Amino acid sequence: MESEAPSRAANAVLLAAVALVGLNLRPFITGIGPLAADIGAETGLDLKGISLLTLVPMALMGLFAFAGPFLQSRVGARRSTLASLAVLVLGSALRLFAAKGWQMVGTAALLGLGVAVIQAVFPGIVKKQFPRHVGVVMGLYSATLMGGGALGAQAAPLIAAATGNWHVGLAWMAVPAVLALALAALYLPRDGVSVQKRTSAIAFLKRPRVWLLMVCFGLVNGGYSTVVAWLAPFYREHGWSAAASGSLLAILAVCQALAALVLPVLAKGKDDLRPWLWLTLVMQAAGFAALAFRPEAAPLASAMMLGAGLGGCFALSMIVALDHLPDPAEAGALSALMQGGGFLITALPPWIVAALHEATGSFVAGWLLHLASAIVVAVLYWRVSPASYARAMNTPTAGAEIGPARG
């Protein structure tokens, strides 16, 4: 009993660290939409320029995710995470002084770099520290990530209104980043001194399954990047205030967080996650269809449906990637590569939707684009059955270990 208590206490603190780190990975993006008009007025950024504040960090999340295997084997997951949290503190603080468009894009790049490294190494930490509860802990991580998005969307316009300064509405995000850095420094397990097995990214990229996971992850999260960039401006075009449109985005993000937490728990013990993935894709399709055809009919219900679909799909996609391989280092590397290619795809839709808006004068074409993407992903996921994991990854014994590793 005495030996179990410290272990449980250590796990509880480690879970708190996982949650707080996740909370810091999205507010700097979701806070932009409600303040887009104010940011554009001062910095001179037009719609395409504002889209760069989402595109640039998402692109960096993609590019630096490919460094995940290297970072885990050479730098260490803990050291990489701590350095990246320090970068998040710096990037948010610098937004107090960003008065020009290029300066805002520069802070977006800095913040995107910090998040990219954390996302590349963190799933491997979870797989290693919680080998029998990967689904639940990844659900917690995903939920707090989405919850951080809700916090950013709601707090940014409120703080900006209270202080009369949109810079403060964005720079406050340095505070939770400092708290996450302190907790992670104290409680994240130290990197092992032994040489870790190096996983070849090139070898992974020769496997079609890796590319399929990248495309599915990218198309789904492209819907997320578009929503956080343009949902608030979309409703501001319909006469909503910055605070009201920010609240709608926050509600969407809360539903993302709840779905990311609840769906992996409901799916616990299920080897085949495709029915759950298809459920989330149906919710996404319904949400995008509502935005395209009846945006004023039930905006709250549409946002909740869309948020649940996006959040649940994100968490389940991460679990599916980790389930493909039993070894934590290899599973973490696969997750990093999926995010790498996925986020490169994810970076483009906000800019594409801005261009479509410029051409058509409306966001409708953009919503229809993501409706089609949800249908495409639903078809592609048909191939991702648990029976195919070992064959797809050339690991004959992996299939026998998948179920227990996620139980």
Protein backbone atom coordinates (compact mmCIF):
# COMPACT_ATOMS: atom_id res chain seq x y z
CA MET A 1 0.00 0.00 0.00
CA GLU A 2 2.81 2.39 0.89
CA SER A 3 4.48 1.84 -2.47
CA GLU A 4 1.23 2.34 -4.38
CA ALA A 5 0.34 5.69 -2.80
CA PRO A 6 3.39 7.58 -4.07
CA SER A 7 2.89 5.98 -7.48
CA ARG A 8 -0.72 7.15 -7.62
CA ALA A 9 0.23 10.61 -6.40
CA ALA A 10 3.02 10.81 -8.99
CA ASN A 11 0.61 9.73 -11.73
CA ALA A 12 -1.94 12.33 -10.62
CA VAL A 13 0.64 15.12 -10.77
CA LEU A 14 1.90 13.86 -14.11
CA LEU A 15 -1.68 13.90 -15.44
CA ALA A 16 -1.98 17.50 -14.25
CA ALA A 17 1.20 18.34 -16.16
CA VAL A 18 -0.19 16.64 -19.29
CA ALA A 19 -3.40 18.66 -18.96
CA LEU A 20 -1.69 22.01 -18.41
CA VAL A 21 0.69 21.50 -21.31
CA GLY A 22 -2.25 20.64 -23.57
CA LEU A 23 -4.09 23.74 -22.41
CA ASN A 24 -1.37 25.97 -23.90
CA LEU A 25 -1.32 24.58 -27.43
CA ARG A 26 -4.27 26.42 -29.04
CA PRO A 27 -5.23 29.74 -27.33
CA PHE A 28 -2.81 31.78 -29.45
CA ILE A 29 -4.64 30.62 -32.58
CA THR A 30 -8.27 30.75 -31.42
CA GLY A 31 -7.84 34.21 -29.91
CA ILE A 32 -7.15 35.70 -33.34
CA GLY A 33 -10.59 35.28 -34.96
CA PRO A 34 -12.66 37.40 -32.53
CA LEU A 35 -10.02 40.17 -32.72
CA ALA A 36 -9.33 39.89 -36.45
CA ALA A 37 -10.94 43.24 -37.29
CA ASP A 38 -8.93 45.09 -34.63
CA ILE A 39 -5.70 43.34 -35.59
CA GLY A 40 -6.25 44.13 -39.27
CA ALA A 41 -7.08 47.78 -38.57
CA GLU A 42 -3.81 48.38 -36.71
CA THR A 43 -1.42 46.10 -38.58
CA GLY A 44 -2.82 46.52 -42.09
CA LEU A 45 -3.33 42.77 -42.57
CA ASP A 46 -6.17 41.87 -44.94
CA LEU A 47 -8.09 38.57 -44.84
CA LYS A 48 -5.26 36.65 -46.51
CA GLY A 49 -2.77 38.29 -44.15
CA ILE A 50 -4.86 37.39 -41.10
CA SER A 51 -5.02 33.82 -42.41
CA LEU A 52 -1.21 33.68 -42.12
CA LEU A 53 -1.60 33.87 -38.35
CA THR A 54 -3.12 30.39 -38.59
CA LEU A 55 -1.33 29.12 -41.70
CA VAL A 56 2.22 29.81 -40.50
CA PRO A 57 1.97 28.03 -37.11
CA MET A 58 0.11 25.10 -38.64
CA ALA A 59 2.79 24.77 -41.35
CA LEU A 60 5.51 24.81 -38.71
CA MET A 61 3.59 22.18 -36.72
CA GLY A 62 3.81 20.06 -39.85
CA LEU A 63 7.45 20.69 -40.71
CA PHE A 64 8.85 20.25 -37.22
CA ALA A 65 6.75 17.20 -36.44
CA PHE A 66 9.04 15.31 -38.82
CA ALA A 67 11.84 16.05 -36.35
CA GLY A 68 9.97 14.12 -33.63
CA PRO A 69 11.99 10.88 -33.92
CA PHE A 70 15.27 12.85 -33.85
CA LEU A 71 14.19 14.98 -30.89
CA GLN A 72 13.11 11.94 -28.87
CA SER A 73 16.35 10.00 -29.50
CA ARG A 74 18.92 12.82 -29.44
CA VAL A 75 17.50 15.69 -27.36
CA GLY A 76 14.95 13.92 -25.18
CA ALA A 77 11.21 14.43 -24.87
CA ARG A 78 11.43 16.26 -21.52
CA ARG A 79 14.11 18.72 -22.59
CA SER A 80 12.30 19.36 -25.88
CA THR A 81 9.03 20.04 -24.04
CA LEU A 82 10.60 22.44 -21.53
CA ALA A 83 12.41 24.42 -24.23
CA SER A 84 9.23 24.65 -26.26
CA LEU A 85 7.15 25.90 -23.32
CA ALA A 86 9.74 28.64 -22.81
CA VAL A 87 9.28 29.59 -26.48
CA LEU A 88 5.50 29.82 -25.91
CA VAL A 89 6.06 32.20 -23.02
CA LEU A 90 8.29 34.41 -25.18
CA GLY A 91 6.03 34.35 -28.24
CA SER A 92 2.92 35.36 -26.29
CA ALA A 93 4.75 38.10 -24.39
CA LEU A 94 6.08 39.59 -27.63
CA ARG A 95 2.53 40.16 -28.86
CA LEU A 96 2.35 43.07 -26.45
CA PHE A 97 4.68 44.94 -28.81
CA ALA A 98 3.64 43.61 -32.25
CA ALA A 99 2.21 46.60 -34.12
CA LYS A 100 3.01 45.61 -37.71
CA GLY A 101 1.78 42.75 -39.81
CA TRP A 102 5.18 41.07 -40.15
CA GLN A 103 5.66 41.25 -36.39
CA MET A 104 2.36 39.47 -35.77
CA VAL A 105 3.28 36.80 -38.32
CA GLY A 106 6.67 36.48 -36.61
CA THR A 107 5.08 35.83 -33.23
CA ALA A 108 2.75 33.31 -34.87
CA ALA A 109 5.81 31.52 -36.27
CA LEU A 110 7.52 31.49 -32.86
CA LEU A 111 4.42 30.11 -31.14
CA GLY A 112 3.87 27.57 -33.90
CA LEU A 113 7.45 26.35 -33.51
CA GLY A 114 6.98 25.80 -29.78
CA VAL A 115 3.71 23.92 -30.24
CA ALA A 116 5.16 21.87 -33.11
CA VAL A 117 7.91 20.40 -30.96
CA ILE A 118 5.57 19.61 -28.05
CA GLN A 119 3.08 17.88 -30.34
CA ALA A 120 5.88 15.86 -31.92
CA VAL A 121 7.21 14.41 -28.65
CA PHE A 122 4.26 14.40 -26.25
CA PRO A 123 2.32 11.37 -27.56
CA GLY A 124 5.49 9.32 -27.04
CA ILE A 125 5.64 10.48 -23.41
CA VAL A 126 2.02 9.42 -22.90
CA LYS A 127 2.58 6.02 -24.53
CA LYS A 128 5.63 5.42 -22.33
CA GLN A 129 4.24 6.66 -18.99
CA PHE A 130 0.69 5.30 -19.36
CA PRO A 131 1.08 2.19 -21.55
CA ARG A 132 -2.20 0.61 -20.43
CA HIS A 133 -4.26 3.80 -20.51
CA VAL A 134 -3.12 5.45 -23.73
CA GLY A 135 -6.65 6.13 -24.98
CA VAL A 136 -7.88 7.79 -21.79
CA VAL A 137 -4.75 9.91 -21.28
CA MET A 138 -4.63 10.95 -24.94
CA GLY A 139 -8.28 11.88 -24.54
CA LEU A 140 -7.33 14.08 -21.57
CA TYR A 141 -4.48 15.66 -23.54
CA SER A 142 -6.72 16.28 -26.56
CA ALA A 143 -9.53 17.62 -24.35
CA THR A 144 -7.31 20.15 -22.63
CA LEU A 145 -5.83 21.11 -25.99
CA MET A 146 -9.32 21.88 -27.28
CA GLY A 147 -10.28 23.45 -23.94
CA GLY A 148 -7.35 25.79 -24.36
CA GLY A 149 -8.86 26.78 -27.68
CA ALA A 150 -12.10 27.64 -25.91
CA LEU A 151 -10.22 29.65 -23.34
CA GLY A 152 -8.42 31.65 -26.02
CA ALA A 153 -11.56 32.35 -28.03
CA GLN A 154 -13.51 33.54 -25.00
CA ALA A 155 -10.83 35.32 -23.00
CA ALA A 156 -9.08 37.20 -25.80
CA PRO A 157 -12.00 39.51 -26.73
CA LEU A 158 -13.07 39.93 -23.09
CA ILE A 159 -9.58 40.91 -21.93
CA ALA A 160 -9.12 43.14 -24.97
CA ALA A 161 -12.43 44.89 -24.22
CA ALA A 162 -11.62 45.27 -20.52
CA THR A 163 -8.19 46.76 -21.19
CA GLY A 164 -9.03 48.56 -24.42
CA ASN A 165 -6.02 46.86 -26.03
CA TRP A 166 -6.10 43.82 -28.29
CA HIS A 167 -2.38 43.25 -27.62
CA VAL A 168 -3.17 42.42 -24.00
CA GLY A 169 -6.00 40.16 -25.19
CA LEU A 170 -3.36 37.98 -26.86
CA ALA A 171 -0.30 38.46 -24.62
CA TRP A 172 -2.00 37.21 -21.43
CA MET A 173 -1.47 33.69 -22.78
CA ALA A 174 2.11 33.87 -21.51
CA VAL A 175 0.74 33.35 -17.97
CA PRO A 176 -0.59 29.77 -18.33
CA ALA A 177 2.52 28.95 -20.37
CA VAL A 178 4.69 29.97 -17.39
CA LEU A 179 2.60 27.74 -15.10
CA ALA A 180 2.91 24.80 -17.52
CA LEU A 181 6.67 25.31 -17.74
CA ALA A 182 7.01 25.27 -13.95
CA LEU A 183 4.88 22.14 -13.51
CA ALA A 184 6.58 20.30 -16.38
CA ALA A 185 10.03 21.19 -15.05
CA LEU A 186 9.13 19.74 -11.65
CA TYR A 187 7.23 16.62 -12.63
CA LEU A 188 7.87 15.44 -16.19
CA PRO A 189 10.03 12.30 -15.98
CA ARG A 190 13.66 12.83 -16.84
CA ASP A 191 14.92 11.59 -20.19
CA GLY A 192 16.57 8.18 -20.00
CA VAL A 193 20.32 7.99 -20.24
CA SER A 194 20.26 4.86 -22.34
CA VAL A 195 20.41 5.14 -26.09
CA GLN A 196 16.92 4.88 -27.49
CA LYS A 197 16.12 2.83 -30.54
CA ARG A 198 16.29 5.19 -33.50
CA THR A 199 13.35 5.03 -35.84
CA SER A 200 13.89 5.87 -39.48
CA ALA A 201 11.41 8.42 -40.76
CA ILE A 202 12.33 7.42 -44.31
CA ALA A 203 11.41 3.80 -43.59
CA PHE A 204 8.03 4.91 -42.24
CA LEU A 205 7.39 7.15 -45.23
CA LYS A 206 7.74 4.17 -47.55
CA ARG A 207 4.57 2.71 -46.04
CA PRO A 208 1.28 3.77 -47.71
CA ARG A 209 -0.56 3.58 -44.37
CA VAL A 210 1.51 6.48 -43.01
CA TRP A 211 0.46 8.67 -45.94
CA LEU A 212 -3.19 7.66 -45.52
CA LEU A 213 -3.07 8.65 -41.83
CA MET A 214 -1.43 11.97 -42.78
CA VAL A 215 -4.12 12.80 -45.34
CA CYS A 216 -7.00 11.93 -42.99
CA PHE A 217 -5.48 13.88 -40.10
CA GLY A 218 -4.73 16.84 -42.36
CA LEU A 219 -8.16 17.09 -43.95
CA VAL A 220 -9.98 16.87 -40.62
CA ASN A 221 -7.74 19.39 -38.90
CA GLY A 222 -7.98 21.62 -41.96
CA GLY A 223 -11.62 21.98 -40.94
CA TYR A 224 -10.47 22.97 -37.46
CA SER A 225 -7.96 25.56 -38.70
CA THR A 226 -10.59 27.12 -40.95
CA VAL A 227 -13.18 27.23 -38.17
CA VAL A 228 -10.87 28.90 -35.67
CA ALA A 229 -9.76 31.41 -38.29
CA TRP A 230 -13.10 32.29 -39.90
CA LEU A 231 -16.08 31.25 -37.77
CA ALA A 232 -15.99 34.45 -35.71
CA PRO A 233 -15.45 36.74 -38.76
CA PHE A 234 -18.23 34.81 -40.55
CA TYR A 235 -20.74 35.67 -37.85
CA ARG A 236 -19.40 39.21 -37.55
CA GLU A 237 -20.40 39.57 -41.20
CA HIS A 238 -23.88 38.55 -40.03
CA GLY A 239 -23.89 41.42 -37.54
CA TRP A 240 -22.59 39.69 -34.43
CA SER A 241 -20.26 41.51 -32.01
CA ALA A 242 -16.67 40.43 -31.32
CA ALA A 243 -17.65 39.10 -27.87
CA ALA A 244 -20.67 37.17 -29.19
CA SER A 245 -18.75 35.61 -32.08
CA GLY A 246 -15.91 34.77 -29.69
CA SER A 247 -18.38 33.11 -27.33
CA LEU A 248 -19.70 30.96 -30.19
CA LEU A 249 -16.15 29.87 -31.02
CA ALA A 250 -15.54 29.15 -27.33
CA ILE A 251 -18.67 26.97 -27.15
CA LEU A 252 -17.47 25.08 -30.21
CA ALA A 253 -14.08 24.56 -28.54
CA VAL A 254 -15.70 23.39 -25.28
CA CYS A 255 -17.63 20.77 -27.25
CA GLN A 256 -14.38 19.78 -28.93
CA ALA A 257 -12.81 19.28 -25.51
CA LEU A 258 -15.74 17.27 -24.14
CA ALA A 259 -15.83 15.01 -27.20
CA ALA A 260 -12.06 14.54 -27.13
CA LEU A 261 -12.34 13.43 -23.50
CA VAL A 262 -15.55 11.40 -23.60
CA LEU A 263 -15.34 9.52 -26.90
CA PRO A 264 -12.03 7.75 -26.12
CA VAL A 265 -13.52 6.67 -22.77
CA LEU A 266 -16.67 5.34 -24.47
CA ALA A 267 -14.49 3.55 -27.03
CA LYS A 268 -12.21 2.07 -24.35
CA GLY A 269 -11.63 -1.61 -24.94
CA LYS A 270 -12.78 -1.42 -28.57
CA ASP A 271 -10.09 -2.50 -31.02
CA ASP A 272 -11.92 -1.04 -34.04
CA LEU A 273 -12.37 2.71 -33.66
CA ARG A 274 -13.77 3.29 -37.15
CA PRO A 275 -17.45 3.41 -36.11
CA TRP A 276 -16.56 6.15 -33.63
CA LEU A 277 -14.52 7.98 -36.25
CA TRP A 278 -17.42 7.80 -38.70
CA LEU A 279 -19.74 9.21 -36.04
CA THR A 280 -17.45 12.23 -35.62
CA LEU A 281 -17.27 12.72 -39.39
CA VAL A 282 -21.06 12.69 -39.66
CA MET A 283 -21.20 15.41 -37.00
CA GLN A 284 -18.62 17.46 -38.90
CA ALA A 285 -20.55 17.11 -42.14
CA ALA A 286 -23.77 18.21 -40.43
CA GLY A 287 -22.05 21.23 -38.88
CA PHE A 288 -20.45 22.42 -42.11
CA ALA A 289 -23.70 21.89 -44.02
CA ALA A 290 -25.54 24.02 -41.45
CA LEU A 291 -22.98 26.83 -41.79
CA ALA A 292 -23.25 26.71 -45.57
CA PHE A 293 -27.03 26.56 -45.95
CA ARG A 294 -28.69 27.79 -42.70
CA PRO A 295 -26.12 29.72 -40.64
CA GLU A 296 -28.69 31.74 -38.67
CA ALA A 297 -31.15 28.90 -38.07
CA ALA A 298 -29.40 27.32 -35.08
CA PRO A 299 -25.84 28.67 -34.77
CA LEU A 300 -25.35 27.30 -31.25
CA ALA A 301 -26.43 23.78 -32.19
CA SER A 302 -24.33 23.89 -35.36
CA ALA A 303 -21.25 24.99 -33.43
CA MET A 304 -21.75 22.29 -30.81
CA MET A 305 -22.18 19.59 -33.44
CA LEU A 306 -19.15 20.76 -35.39
CA GLY A 307 -17.02 21.07 -32.27
CA ALA A 308 -17.88 17.58 -31.06
CA GLY A 309 -17.07 16.13 -34.48
CA LEU A 310 -13.72 17.90 -34.77
CA GLY A 311 -12.60 17.24 -31.21
CA GLY A 312 -13.62 13.59 -31.14
CA CYS A 313 -11.98 12.91 -34.47
CA PHE A 314 -8.71 14.53 -33.37
CA ALA A 315 -8.42 12.40 -30.24
CA LEU A 316 -9.45 9.16 -31.94
CA SER A 317 -7.06 9.78 -34.83
CA MET A 318 -4.16 10.14 -32.39
CA ILE A 319 -5.14 6.90 -30.65
CA VAL A 320 -5.40 5.02 -33.95
CA ALA A 321 -1.88 6.11 -34.89
CA LEU A 322 -0.47 5.02 -31.51
CA ASP A 323 -2.32 1.69 -31.73
CA HIS A 324 -0.52 0.79 -34.95
CA LEU A 325 2.74 -0.02 -33.12
CA PRO A 326 3.38 -1.50 -29.65
CA ASP A 327 6.76 0.13 -29.03
CA PRO A 328 6.38 3.62 -27.47
CA ALA A 329 9.29 5.15 -29.41
CA GLU A 330 8.05 3.82 -32.74
CA ALA A 331 4.43 4.71 -31.98
CA GLY A 332 5.50 8.22 -30.99
CA ALA A 333 7.49 8.53 -34.21
CA LEU A 334 4.49 7.41 -36.28
CA SER A 335 2.27 9.92 -34.47
CA ALA A 336 4.83 12.67 -35.12
CA LEU A 337 4.97 11.86 -38.83
CA MET A 338 1.17 11.71 -39.10
CA GLN A 339 0.99 15.14 -37.49
CA GLY A 340 3.83 16.38 -39.69
CA GLY A 341 2.19 15.64 -43.01
CA GLY A 342 -1.23 16.34 -41.55
CA PHE A 343 -0.45 19.82 -40.29
CA LEU A 344 1.18 20.76 -43.60
CA ILE A 345 -2.22 20.02 -45.16
CA THR A 346 -4.01 21.71 -42.26
CA ALA A 347 -2.10 24.96 -42.81
CA LEU A 348 -3.60 25.61 -46.25
CA PRO A 349 -7.42 25.71 -45.82
CA PRO A 350 -7.64 29.06 -43.95
CA TRP A 351 -5.79 30.75 -46.83
CA ILE A 352 -7.83 28.85 -49.44
CA VAL A 353 -11.08 29.86 -47.74
CA ALA A 354 -9.88 33.49 -47.60
CA ALA A 355 -9.19 33.33 -51.34
CA LEU A 356 -12.63 31.80 -51.96
CA HIS A 357 -14.19 34.56 -49.89
CA GLU A 358 -12.33 37.16 -51.95
CA ALA A 359 -13.58 35.54 -55.16
CA THR A 360 -17.19 34.93 -54.11
CA GLY A 361 -17.79 37.48 -51.34
CA SER A 362 -18.90 34.69 -49.01
CA PHE A 363 -17.58 31.92 -46.76
CA VAL A 364 -20.12 29.41 -48.13
CA ALA A 365 -17.70 27.86 -50.65
CA GLY A 366 -15.23 27.26 -47.82
CA TRP A 367 -17.78 25.47 -45.66
CA LEU A 368 -18.75 23.28 -48.63
CA LEU A 369 -15.07 22.46 -49.18
CA HIS A 370 -14.86 21.04 -45.66
CA LEU A 371 -18.15 19.20 -46.02
CA ALA A 372 -16.59 17.39 -48.99
CA SER A 373 -13.39 16.74 -47.00
CA ALA A 374 -15.34 15.01 -44.22
CA ILE A 375 -16.89 12.66 -46.79
CA VAL A 376 -13.49 11.87 -48.32
CA VAL A 377 -11.99 11.05 -44.91
CA ALA A 378 -14.93 8.78 -44.07
CA VAL A 379 -14.18 6.77 -47.23
CA LEU A 380 -10.42 6.62 -46.54
CA TYR A 381 -10.88 5.40 -42.98
CA TRP A 382 -12.59 2.30 -44.31
CA ARG A 383 -9.09 0.89 -44.89
CA VAL A 384 -7.90 1.46 -41.31
CA SER A 385 -9.07 -1.75 -39.63
CA PRO A 386 -7.15 -3.15 -36.62
CA ALA A 387 -6.51 -6.35 -38.56
CA SER A 388 -4.47 -4.31 -41.04
CA TYR A 389 -2.18 -2.58 -38.50
CA ALA A 390 0.59 -5.20 -38.35
CA ARG A 391 0.59 -5.79 -42.10
CA ALA A 392 0.54 -2.08 -42.90
CA MET A 393 3.48 -1.35 -40.57
CA ASN A 394 5.40 -4.58 -41.24
CA THR A 395 5.23 -5.59 -37.58
CA PRO A 396 3.92 -9.18 -37.37
CA THR A 397 3.61 -9.20 -33.57
CA ALA A 398 2.05 -5.76 -33.18
CA GLY A 399 -1.50 -6.94 -33.61
CA ALA A 400 -1.35 -9.14 -30.54
CA GLU A 401 -0.31 -6.24 -28.32
CA ILE A 402 -2.59 -3.50 -29.53
CA GLY A 403 -5.61 -4.21 -27.35
CA PRO A 404 -3.83 -4.45 -23.97
CA ALA A 405 -1.73 -1.38 -24.63
CA ARG A 406 -4.83 0.79 -24.85
CA GLY A 407 -7.02 -0.89 -22.25
